[in-house]
Protein backbone atom coordinates (compact mmCIF):
# COMPACT_ATOMS: atom_id res chain seq x y z
CA MET A 1 20.84 31.07 14.23
CA LEU A 2 22.02 31.08 10.67
CA ALA A 3 25.47 29.94 11.78
CA GLU A 4 23.91 26.96 13.43
CA LEU A 5 22.10 26.10 10.27
CA GLU A 6 25.40 25.91 8.41
CA GLY A 7 26.87 23.40 10.87
CA PRO A 8 27.44 19.83 9.76
CA GLU A 9 25.00 18.35 12.30
CA LEU A 10 21.93 19.96 10.76
CA ARG A 11 23.13 19.48 7.24
CA GLU A 12 23.33 15.78 7.91
CA ARG A 13 19.90 15.56 9.48
CA LEU A 14 17.92 17.67 7.00
CA SER A 15 17.27 17.19 3.34
CA LEU A 16 18.45 19.94 1.04
CA GLU A 17 14.93 21.16 0.56
CA ASP A 18 14.15 21.31 4.28
CA HIS A 19 17.50 23.03 4.98
CA ALA A 20 16.68 25.70 2.36
CA LEU A 21 13.17 26.16 3.76
CA LEU A 22 14.45 26.54 7.28
CA ARG A 23 17.12 28.96 6.27
CA ARG A 24 14.56 31.08 4.34
CA ALA A 25 12.20 31.08 7.34
CA VAL A 26 15.02 32.31 9.65
CA GLN A 27 15.95 35.02 7.17
CA MET A 28 12.37 36.18 6.69
CA SER A 29 11.74 36.40 10.42
CA TYR A 30 15.01 38.24 11.02
CA THR A 31 14.18 40.84 8.34
CA SER A 32 10.60 41.15 9.61
CA GLU A 33 9.17 39.99 6.32
CA ILE A 34 7.06 37.60 8.35
CA SER A 35 6.33 37.48 12.08
CA LEU A 36 6.87 34.34 14.08
CA HIS A 37 3.09 34.14 14.58
CA GLU A 38 2.54 34.18 10.78
CA LEU A 39 5.25 31.66 10.26
CA ALA A 40 3.74 29.32 12.79
CA GLU A 41 0.25 29.70 11.32
CA THR A 42 1.59 28.99 7.81
CA CYS A 43 3.35 25.89 9.06
CA ASN A 44 0.22 24.68 10.90
CA ALA A 45 -1.96 25.38 7.80
CA SER A 46 0.38 23.33 5.60
CA ARG A 47 -0.09 20.44 8.01
CA GLY A 48 -3.84 20.88 8.11
CA VAL A 49 -3.99 22.24 11.67
CA LYS A 50 -6.83 24.71 12.24
CA PRO A 51 -5.83 28.23 13.30
CA ARG A 52 -6.08 29.20 16.90
CA ARG A 53 -8.73 31.74 17.79
C-alpha cells in the first residue's frame, strides 16, 4: 500500500497535505496504532457524519 502511495499517479492527484495524511493513516493502521473502524469513525466525525450504532 505504501509503495502505491509513492507512485507518480497519486502524487499528482493529491495535495501534499492529503498525501501526508493518507500515508500516516496507512502507517497507523499497519502498526495497529488505530483500527480501520476507528480510522473510519474519525474520518466520518471530521466530515460531520454521525457515528453508526
